[in-house]
Amino acid sequence: MCTLFLAYKTHPQYDLILIGNRDEFLDRPTEKAHLWAEYPGLFAGKDLKAGGTWMGIAGNGRFATLTNYRDPNDIRPEALSRGDLVKDFLIQQVSPLHYLEKIHAQSDLYNGFNLLVGTKDELGYYSNKQGQIQVLSPGIYGLSNRFLDTPWPKVADNKVLFQQLTETGGEFPVEAAFHLLTDSRTYEASLLPSTGVPPEWEKSLSALFIRIPPRYGTRLSTVILMKKNGEIYMEERTYYDGQEWNMENPEKVVIQFQAEKA
């Protein structure tokens, strides 16, 4: 599933500020963020079941992230893995627009998704449930499991808080961003969409940080920063340790490097 927020070219120091939660079934095997041996220059976590990833950045500054479109009545087991959509962009050299045009041509091979792909010069968005490629202008965006900027309560409320973090000036407050991502408040049924899941799940999924033991929840949070001088910072905090959520002492991975010049 997942929820994320990004600021693209709105900050005097950063071309990109991207923060997000990965929500997943708790028994799905996962490898934490790392430099992939099979694809030099690819920094991302890895879904060990299907081999793809949900969010990552490449050594040349290319970045990509993905959320699922929530519709449990339209899930095809034979569909291709959506995690490959992120991985394949990061290991290629085509522009975001050309990549999304390619994906659009084969979009029916996948279950519903939202895909964001970008470089320091271009940011693109595509959902195969909408069928329209968008080249995004500089701005603040929020995305969960419908479409870009669909105003679900957790998206609308936390997008405002995220924007406030980007307006503090100076270095982006990473610790405050991680604190925002642990927001576990839920919303009243009257405020929520009907996406085909039972009402009790709809309410639990309305939180930004989800816990539905023993099956599902927010496993980790990620912050990616790309400075205008090419400095890249990626931090991942894994809260679910395989048995329970460890909110006080999450496992941290920090990756820092200078983006290669194109």
C-alpha atoms as a PDB file:
ATOM      1  CA  MET A   1       0.000   0.000   0.000  1.00  0.00           C
ATOM      2  CA  CYS A   2       2.072   2.977   1.313  1.00  0.00           C
ATOM      3  CA  THR A   3       1.684   6.735   1.727  1.00  0.00           C
ATOM      4  CA  LEU A   4       4.218   9.353   0.695  1.00  0.00           C
ATOM      5  CA  PHE A   5       4.771  13.084   0.399  1.00  0.00           C
ATOM      6  CA  LEU A   6       7.237  14.952  -1.764  1.00  0.00           C
ATOM      7  CA  ALA A   7       8.425  18.468  -2.374  1.00  0.00           C
ATOM      8  CA  TYR A   8       9.867  18.931  -5.849  1.00  0.00           C
ATOM      9  CA  LYS A   9      11.956  22.053  -6.450  1.00  0.00           C
ATOM     10  CA  THR A  10      10.172  24.096  -3.775  1.00  0.00           C
ATOM     11  CA  HIS A  11      13.081  24.465  -1.343  1.00  0.00           C
ATOM     12  CA  PRO A  12      16.138  26.712  -1.814  1.00  0.00           C
ATOM     13  CA  GLN A  13      18.547  23.884  -0.895  1.00  0.00           C
ATOM     14  CA  TYR A  14      16.814  20.756  -2.225  1.00  0.00           C
ATOM     15  CA  ASP A  15      15.560  19.612  -5.611  1.00  0.00           C
ATOM     16  CA  LEU A  16      13.744  16.734  -3.912  1.00  0.00           C
ATOM     17  CA  ILE A  17      12.397  15.994  -0.451  1.00  0.00           C
ATOM     18  CA  LEU A  18      10.620  12.620  -0.368  1.00  0.00           C
ATOM     19  CA  ILE A  19       9.230  10.941   2.737  1.00  0.00           C
ATOM     20  CA  GLY A  20       7.013   7.889   3.004  1.00  0.00           C
ATOM     21  CA  ASN A  21       5.812   4.771   4.786  1.00  0.00           C
ATOM     22  CA  ARG A  22       5.833   1.264   3.401  1.00  0.00           C
ATOM     23  CA  ASP A  23       2.715  -0.657   4.435  1.00  0.00           C
ATOM     24  CA  GLU A  24       2.822  -4.378   3.731  1.00  0.00           C
ATOM     25  CA  PHE A  25       1.809  -7.820   4.924  1.00  0.00           C
ATOM     26  CA  LEU A  26       4.020  -8.572   7.879  1.00  0.00           C
ATOM     27  CA  ASP A  27       5.116 -11.999   6.673  1.00  0.00           C
ATOM     28  CA  ARG A  28       6.338 -10.766   3.263  1.00  0.00           C
ATOM     29  CA  PRO A  29      10.140 -11.227   3.115  1.00  0.00           C
ATOM     30  CA  THR A  30      12.016  -7.955   2.746  1.00  0.00           C
ATOM     31  CA  GLU A  31      15.622  -6.780   2.607  1.00  0.00           C
ATOM     32  CA  LYS A  32      16.473  -3.375   4.034  1.00  0.00           C
ATOM     33  CA  ALA A  33      17.814  -0.509   1.922  1.00  0.00           C
ATOM     34  CA  HIS A  34      21.246  -1.279   0.482  1.00  0.00           C
ATOM     35  CA  LEU A  35      23.438  -0.997  -2.613  1.00  0.00           C
ATOM     36  CA  TRP A  36      22.297  -3.766  -4.961  1.00  0.00           C
ATOM     37  CA  ALA A  37      25.148  -6.004  -6.123  1.00  0.00           C
ATOM     38  CA  GLU A  38      23.354  -6.947  -9.341  1.00  0.00           C
ATOM     39  CA  TYR A  39      22.688  -3.312 -10.304  1.00  0.00           C
ATOM     40  CA  PRO A  40      25.641  -1.104  -9.287  1.00  0.00           C
ATOM     41  CA  GLY A  41      24.438   2.346  -8.304  1.00  0.00           C
ATOM     42  CA  LEU A  42      20.951   1.256  -7.200  1.00  0.00           C
ATOM     43  CA  PHE A  43      20.108   2.070  -3.577  1.00  0.00           C
ATOM     44  CA  ALA A  44      16.802   0.602  -2.374  1.00  0.00           C
ATOM     45  CA  GLY A  45      15.105  -1.930  -0.198  1.00  0.00           C
ATOM     46  CA  LYS A  46      14.149  -5.196  -1.850  1.00  0.00           C
ATOM     47  CA  ASP A  47      10.989  -7.270  -1.927  1.00  0.00           C
ATOM     48  CA  LEU A  48      12.432 -10.772  -1.635  1.00  0.00           C
ATOM     49  CA  LYS A  49       9.231 -12.410  -2.846  1.00  0.00           C
ATOM     50  CA  ALA A  50       9.024 -10.722  -6.267  1.00  0.00           C
ATOM     51  CA  GLY A  51      12.472  -9.102  -6.570  1.00  0.00           C
ATOM     52  CA  GLY A  52      11.470  -5.476  -7.046  1.00  0.00           C
ATOM     53  CA  THR A  53      11.300  -2.435  -4.781  1.00  0.00           C
ATOM     54  CA  TRP A  54       8.843   0.226  -3.648  1.00  0.00           C
ATOM     55  CA  MET A  55      11.223   3.194  -3.442  1.00  0.00           C
ATOM     56  CA  GLY A  56      14.791   3.864  -4.433  1.00  0.00           C
ATOM     57  CA  ILE A  57      17.412   6.190  -5.844  1.00  0.00           C
ATOM     58  CA  ALA A  58      20.261   5.635  -8.279  1.00  0.00           C
ATOM     59  CA  GLY A  59      23.823   6.886  -8.187  1.00  0.00           C
ATOM     60  CA  ASN A  60      23.056   9.403 -10.942  1.00  0.00           C
ATOM     61  CA  GLY A  61      20.169  10.914  -8.953  1.00  0.00           C
ATOM     62  CA  ARG A  62      17.277   9.107 -10.641  1.00  0.00           C
ATOM     63  CA  PHE A  63      14.532   8.302  -8.155  1.00  0.00           C
ATOM     64  CA  ALA A  64      11.277   6.387  -8.210  1.00  0.00           C
ATOM     65  CA  THR A  65       8.532   5.242  -5.880  1.00  0.00           C
ATOM     66  CA  LEU A  66       5.268   3.367  -6.117  1.00  0.00           C
ATOM     67  CA  THR A  67       1.990   2.828  -4.284  1.00  0.00           C
ATOM     68  CA  ASN A  68      -0.700   0.267  -4.967  1.00  0.00           C
ATOM     69  CA  TYR A  69      -4.194   1.336  -6.003  1.00  0.00           C
ATOM     70  CA  ARG A  70      -6.551  -0.113  -3.386  1.00  0.00           C
ATOM     71  CA  ASP A  71      -9.242  -2.270  -4.956  1.00  0.00           C
ATOM     72  CA  PRO A  72      -9.337  -5.795  -3.503  1.00  0.00           C
ATOM     73  CA  ASN A  73     -11.966  -6.816  -6.050  1.00  0.00           C
ATOM     74  CA  ASP A  74      -9.570  -6.209  -8.934  1.00  0.00           C
ATOM     75  CA  ILE A  75      -6.455  -8.185  -8.030  1.00  0.00           C
ATOM     76  CA  ARG A  76      -5.089 -10.653 -10.599  1.00  0.00           C
ATOM     77  CA  PRO A  77      -2.606 -13.201  -9.218  1.00  0.00           C
ATOM     78  CA  GLU A  78      -1.036 -13.608 -12.658  1.00  0.00           C
ATOM     79  CA  ALA A  79      -0.203  -9.877 -13.023  1.00  0.00           C
ATOM     80  CA  LEU A  80       3.421  -8.770 -13.291  1.00  0.00           C
ATOM     81  CA  SER A  81       5.164  -7.470 -10.180  1.00  0.00           C
ATOM     82  CA  ARG A  82       4.645  -3.750  -9.700  1.00  0.00           C
ATOM     83  CA  GLY A  83       7.965  -3.481  -7.869  1.00  0.00           C
ATOM     84  CA  ASP A  84       9.755  -3.959 -11.182  1.00  0.00           C
ATOM     85  CA  LEU A  85       8.331  -0.615 -12.352  1.00  0.00           C
ATOM     86  CA  VAL A  86      10.504   1.206  -9.815  1.00  0.00           C
ATOM     87  CA  LYS A  87      13.586  -0.956 -10.274  1.00  0.00           C
ATOM     88  CA  ASP A  88      13.527  -0.800 -14.081  1.00  0.00           C
ATOM     89  CA  PHE A  89      13.383   2.993 -14.162  1.00  0.00           C
ATOM     90  CA  LEU A  90      16.316   3.282 -11.777  1.00  0.00           C
ATOM     91  CA  ILE A  91      18.589   1.037 -13.849  1.00  0.00           C
ATOM     92  CA  GLN A  92      17.736   2.622 -17.205  1.00  0.00           C
ATOM     93  CA  GLN A  93      18.767   5.941 -18.721  1.00  0.00           C
ATOM     94  CA  VAL A  94      15.559   6.997 -20.498  1.00  0.00           C
ATOM     95  CA  SER A  95      13.749  10.166 -19.459  1.00  0.00           C
ATOM     96  CA  PRO A  96      10.813   9.951 -17.034  1.00  0.00           C
ATOM     97  CA  LEU A  97       8.374  10.883 -19.799  1.00  0.00           C
ATOM     98  CA  HIS A  98       9.639   8.243 -22.228  1.00  0.00           C
ATOM     99  CA  TYR A  99       9.652   5.625 -19.490  1.00  0.00           C
ATOM    100  CA  LEU A 100       6.043   6.356 -18.558  1.00  0.00           C
ATOM    101  CA  GLU A 101       5.013   6.202 -22.212  1.00  0.00           C
ATOM    102  CA  LYS A 102       6.478   2.691 -22.331  1.00  0.00           C
ATOM    103  CA  ILE A 103       4.653   1.689 -19.143  1.00  0.00           C
ATOM    104  CA  HIS A 104       1.386   3.133 -20.427  1.00  0.00           C
ATOM    105  CA  ALA A 105       1.599   0.853 -23.464  1.00  0.00           C
ATOM    106  CA  GLN A 106       1.742  -2.220 -21.241  1.00  0.00           C
ATOM    107  CA  SER A 107      -0.199  -0.982 -18.216  1.00  0.00           C
ATOM    108  CA  ASP A 108      -2.819  -3.742 -18.377  1.00  0.00           C
ATOM    109  CA  LEU A 109      -0.155  -6.292 -17.392  1.00  0.00           C
ATOM    110  CA  TYR A 110      -0.153  -4.971 -13.809  1.00  0.00           C
ATOM    111  CA  ASN A 111      -2.589  -4.648 -10.956  1.00  0.00           C
ATOM    112  CA  GLY A 112      -3.503  -1.085 -10.066  1.00  0.00           C
ATOM    113  CA  PHE A 113      -0.587   1.224  -9.266  1.00  0.00           C
ATOM    114  CA  ASN A 114       0.622   4.803  -8.905  1.00  0.00           C
ATOM    115  CA  LEU A 115       4.150   5.450 -10.139  1.00  0.00           C
ATOM    116  CA  LEU A 116       6.379   8.480  -9.611  1.00  0.00           C
ATOM    117  CA  VAL A 117       9.673   8.626 -11.516  1.00  0.00           C
ATOM    118  CA  GLY A 118      12.066  11.512 -11.740  1.00  0.00           C
ATOM    119  CA  THR A 119      15.431  13.164 -12.157  1.00  0.00           C
ATOM    120  CA  LYS A 120      16.638  16.553 -10.979  1.00  0.00           C
ATOM    121  CA  ASP A 121      15.182  17.977 -14.199  1.00  0.00           C
ATOM    122  CA  GLU A 122      11.866  16.143 -14.653  1.00  0.00           C
ATOM    123  CA  LEU A 123       9.208  14.456 -12.524  1.00  0.00           C
ATOM    124  CA  GLY A 124       6.486  12.232 -13.955  1.00  0.00           C
ATOM    125  CA  TYR A 125       3.407  10.505 -12.532  1.00  0.00           C
ATOM    126  CA  TYR A 126       1.264   7.729 -13.957  1.00  0.00           C
ATOM    127  CA  SER A 127      -1.528   5.494 -12.688  1.00  0.00           C
ATOM    128  CA  ASN A 128      -2.790   2.630 -14.818  1.00  0.00           C
ATOM    129  CA  LYS A 129      -6.214   3.187 -13.235  1.00  0.00           C
ATOM    130  CA  GLN A 130      -6.279   6.704 -14.662  1.00  0.00           C
ATOM    131  CA  GLY A 131      -4.332   6.168 -17.859  1.00  0.00           C
ATOM    132  CA  GLN A 132      -2.895   9.697 -18.078  1.00  0.00           C
ATOM    133  CA  ILE A 133       0.802  10.591 -17.989  1.00  0.00           C
ATOM    134  CA  GLN A 134       1.523  13.775 -16.047  1.00  0.00           C
ATOM    135  CA  VAL A 135       4.749  15.781 -16.069  1.00  0.00           C
ATOM    136  CA  LEU A 136       4.608  17.504 -12.698  1.00  0.00           C
ATOM    137  CA  SER A 137       5.472  21.119 -11.993  1.00  0.00           C
ATOM    138  CA  PRO A 138       7.448  22.126  -8.910  1.00  0.00           C
ATOM    139  CA  GLY A 139       5.207  21.681  -5.906  1.00  0.00           C
ATOM    140  CA  ILE A 140       4.126  19.726  -2.834  1.00  0.00           C
ATOM    141  CA  TYR A 141       2.387  16.391  -3.476  1.00  0.00           C
ATOM    142  CA  GLY A 142       0.769  13.622  -1.446  1.00  0.00           C
ATOM    143  CA  LEU A 143      -0.035  10.085  -2.534  1.00  0.00           C
ATOM    144  CA  SER A 144      -1.632   7.085  -0.905  1.00  0.00           C
ATOM    145  CA  ASN A 145      -3.672   4.330  -2.547  1.00  0.00           C
ATOM    146  CA  ARG A 146      -6.007   6.233  -4.878  1.00  0.00           C
ATOM    147  CA  PHE A 147      -4.555   8.926  -7.140  1.00  0.00           C
ATOM    148  CA  LEU A 148      -1.989  11.702  -6.712  1.00  0.00           C
ATOM    149  CA  ASP A 149      -3.324  14.299  -4.246  1.00  0.00           C
ATOM    150  CA  THR A 150      -6.630  12.465  -3.705  1.00  0.00           C
ATOM    151  CA  PRO A 151      -7.665  14.192  -0.441  1.00  0.00           C
ATOM    152  CA  TRP A 152      -8.050  11.197   1.834  1.00  0.00           C
ATOM    153  CA  PRO A 153      -7.884  12.572   5.408  1.00  0.00           C
ATOM    154  CA  LYS A 154      -4.425  11.188   6.201  1.00  0.00           C
ATOM    155  CA  VAL A 155      -3.082  12.617   2.932  1.00  0.00           C
ATOM    156  CA  ALA A 156      -4.703  16.041   3.246  1.00  0.00           C
ATOM    157  CA  ASP A 157      -3.858  16.566   6.924  1.00  0.00           C
ATOM    158  CA  ASN A 158      -0.280  15.333   6.798  1.00  0.00           C
ATOM    159  CA  LYS A 159       0.464  17.067   3.512  1.00  0.00           C
ATOM    160  CA  VAL A 160      -0.111  20.359   5.336  1.00  0.00           C
ATOM    161  CA  LEU A 161       2.264  19.305   8.125  1.00  0.00           C
ATOM    162  CA  PHE A 162       4.847  18.122   5.595  1.00  0.00           C
ATOM    163  CA  GLN A 163       4.694  21.435   3.753  1.00  0.00           C
ATOM    164  CA  GLN A 164       5.294  23.243   7.028  1.00  0.00           C
ATOM    165  CA  LEU A 165       8.460  21.173   7.515  1.00  0.00           C
ATOM    166  CA  THR A 166       9.708  22.225   4.087  1.00  0.00           C
ATOM    167  CA  GLU A 167       9.170  25.896   4.943  1.00  0.00           C
ATOM    168  CA  THR A 168      11.319  25.962   8.085  1.00  0.00           C
ATOM    169  CA  GLY A 169      14.357  27.110   6.093  1.00  0.00           C
ATOM    170  CA  GLY A 170      17.875  25.737   6.220  1.00  0.00           C
ATOM    171  CA  GLU A 171      18.463  21.998   6.534  1.00  0.00           C
ATOM    172  CA  PHE A 172      15.378  19.828   6.254  1.00  0.00           C
ATOM    173  CA  PRO A 173      14.361  18.532   9.733  1.00  0.00           C
ATOM    174  CA  VAL A 174      14.764  14.791   9.214  1.00  0.00           C
ATOM    175  CA  GLU A 175      13.833  13.839  12.778  1.00  0.00           C
ATOM    176  CA  ALA A 176      10.602  15.823  12.569  1.00  0.00           C
ATOM    177  CA  ALA A 177       9.765  14.099   9.287  1.00  0.00           C
ATOM    178  CA  PHE A 178      10.146  10.665  10.850  1.00  0.00           C
ATOM    179  CA  HIS A 179       7.977  11.794  13.737  1.00  0.00           C
ATOM    180  CA  LEU A 180       5.282  12.902  11.288  1.00  0.00           C
ATOM    181  CA  LEU A 181       5.372   9.500   9.588  1.00  0.00           C
ATOM    182  CA  THR A 182       4.549   7.730  12.871  1.00  0.00           C
ATOM    183  CA  ASP A 183       1.135   9.449  13.123  1.00  0.00           C
ATOM    184  CA  SER A 184      -1.244   6.620  14.104  1.00  0.00           C
ATOM    185  CA  ARG A 185      -4.512   8.547  14.441  1.00  0.00           C
ATOM    186  CA  THR A 186      -7.505   7.130  12.587  1.00  0.00           C
ATOM    187  CA  TYR A 187     -10.547   8.937  11.211  1.00  0.00           C
ATOM    188  CA  GLU A 188     -14.293   8.640  11.560  1.00  0.00           C
ATOM    189  CA  ALA A 189     -16.097   6.460   9.027  1.00  0.00           C
ATOM    190  CA  SER A 190     -18.007   9.438   7.610  1.00  0.00           C
ATOM    191  CA  LEU A 191     -14.716  10.940   6.416  1.00  0.00           C
ATOM    192  CA  LEU A 192     -13.380   7.813   4.755  1.00  0.00           C
ATOM    193  CA  PRO A 193     -13.623   6.458   1.217  1.00  0.00           C
ATOM    194  CA  SER A 194     -15.172   3.109   0.384  1.00  0.00           C
ATOM    195  CA  THR A 195     -12.440   1.090  -1.300  1.00  0.00           C
ATOM    196  CA  GLY A 196     -13.865  -2.414  -1.017  1.00  0.00           C
ATOM    197  CA  VAL A 197     -12.297  -3.481   2.285  1.00  0.00           C
ATOM    198  CA  PRO A 198     -14.366  -4.148   5.450  1.00  0.00           C
ATOM    199  CA  PRO A 199     -15.251  -1.014   7.476  1.00  0.00           C
ATOM    200  CA  GLU A 200     -12.972  -1.964  10.367  1.00  0.00           C
ATOM    201  CA  TRP A 201     -10.039  -2.275   7.931  1.00  0.00           C
ATOM    202  CA  GLU A 202     -10.978   1.004   6.236  1.00  0.00           C
ATOM    203  CA  LYS A 203     -10.708   2.723   9.609  1.00  0.00           C
ATOM    204  CA  SER A 204      -7.381   1.075  10.487  1.00  0.00           C
ATOM    205  CA  LEU A 205      -5.977   1.927   7.046  1.00  0.00           C
ATOM    206  CA  SER A 206      -6.963   5.573   7.520  1.00  0.00           C
ATOM    207  CA  ALA A 207      -3.934   6.042   9.791  1.00  0.00           C
ATOM    208  CA  LEU A 208      -0.660   7.216   8.309  1.00  0.00           C
ATOM    209  CA  PHE A 209       1.185   4.673  10.468  1.00  0.00           C
ATOM    210  CA  ILE A 210      -0.830   1.445  10.348  1.00  0.00           C
ATOM    211  CA  ARG A 211      -0.830  -1.452  12.804  1.00  0.00           C
ATOM    212  CA  ILE A 212      -3.195  -4.387  12.186  1.00  0.00           C
ATOM    213  CA  PRO A 213      -1.509  -7.306  13.974  1.00  0.00           C
ATOM    214  CA  PRO A 214      -0.722 -10.025  13.190  1.00  0.00           C
ATOM    215  CA  ARG A 215      -1.206  -9.549   9.439  1.00  0.00           C
ATOM    216  CA  TYR A 216      -0.518  -6.061   8.138  1.00  0.00           C
ATOM    217  CA  GLY A 217       0.958  -2.675   8.892  1.00  0.00           C
ATOM    218  CA  THR A 218       3.614  -0.019   8.376  1.00  0.00           C
ATOM    219  CA  ARG A 219       6.932  -1.815   8.397  1.00  0.00           C
ATOM    220  CA  LEU A 220       9.302   1.065   7.718  1.00  0.00           C
ATOM    221  CA  SER A 221       9.657   4.760   6.934  1.00  0.00           C
ATOM    222  CA  THR A 222      12.051   6.441   4.499  1.00  0.00           C
ATOM    223  CA  VAL A 223      13.381   9.953   3.921  1.00  0.00           C
ATOM    224  CA  ILE A 224      15.243  10.827   0.705  1.00  0.00           C
ATOM    225  CA  LEU A 225      16.846  14.236   0.217  1.00  0.00           C
ATOM    226  CA  MET A 226      18.516  15.495  -2.948  1.00  0.00           C
ATOM    227  CA  LYS A 227      20.399  18.752  -2.582  1.00  0.00           C
ATOM    228  CA  LYS A 228      20.872  21.091  -5.503  1.00  0.00           C
ATOM    229  CA  ASN A 229      24.630  20.444  -5.316  1.00  0.00           C
ATOM    230  CA  GLY A 230      24.037  16.720  -5.918  1.00  0.00           C
ATOM    231  CA  GLU A 231      24.386  15.485  -2.346  1.00  0.00           C
ATOM    232  CA  ILE A 232      22.015  12.571  -1.678  1.00  0.00           C
ATOM    233  CA  TYR A 233      20.808  11.488   1.756  1.00  0.00           C
ATOM    234  CA  MET A 234      18.605   8.428   2.286  1.00  0.00           C
ATOM    235  CA  GLU A 235      17.553   7.147   5.692  1.00  0.00           C
ATOM    236  CA  GLU A 236      15.323   4.149   6.331  1.00  0.00           C
ATOM    237  CA  ARG A 237      13.904   3.199   9.740  1.00  0.00           C
ATOM    238  CA  THR A 238      12.418  -0.263  10.155  1.00  0.00           C
ATOM    239  CA  TYR A 239       9.928  -0.404  13.010  1.00  0.00           C
ATOM    240  CA  TYR A 240       8.561  -3.922  12.623  1.00  0.00           C
ATOM    241  CA  ASP A 241      11.214  -6.383  13.786  1.00  0.00           C
ATOM    242  CA  GLY A 242       9.498  -9.568  12.652  1.00  0.00           C
ATOM    243  CA  GLN A 243       7.462 -10.017  15.821  1.00  0.00           C
ATOM    244  CA  GLU A 244       6.305  -6.591  16.961  1.00  0.00           C
ATOM    245  CA  TRP A 245       6.724  -2.862  16.375  1.00  0.00           C
ATOM    246  CA  ASN A 246       9.755  -1.311  18.034  1.00  0.00           C
ATOM    247  CA  MET A 247       8.961   2.394  17.982  1.00  0.00           C
ATOM    248  CA  GLU A 248      11.639   3.460  20.462  1.00  0.00           C
ATOM    249  CA  ASN A 249      14.610   1.818  18.775  1.00  0.00           C
ATOM    250  CA  PRO A 250      13.980   1.155  15.061  1.00  0.00           C
ATOM    251  CA  GLU A 251      16.719  -0.334  12.923  1.00  0.00           C
ATOM    252  CA  LYS A 252      18.290   2.472  10.905  1.00  0.00           C
ATOM    253  CA  VAL A 253      20.040   2.471   7.547  1.00  0.00           C
ATOM    254  CA  VAL A 254      21.713   5.689   6.328  1.00  0.00           C
ATOM    255  CA  ILE A 255      23.064   6.085   2.802  1.00  0.00           C
ATOM    256  CA  GLN A 256      24.911   9.244   1.677  1.00  0.00           C
ATOM    257  CA  PHE A 257      26.673   9.921  -1.602  1.00  0.00           C
ATOM    258  CA  GLN A 258      27.364  12.521  -4.261  1.00  0.00           C
ATOM    259  CA  ALA A 259      25.263  12.006  -7.377  1.00  0.00           C
ATOM    260  CA  GLU A 260      27.203  11.270 -10.532  1.00  0.00           C
ATOM    261  CA  LYS A 261      27.132  13.969 -13.168  1.00  0.00           C
ATOM    262  CA  ALA A 262      24.995  13.066 -16.180  1.00  0.00           C
END
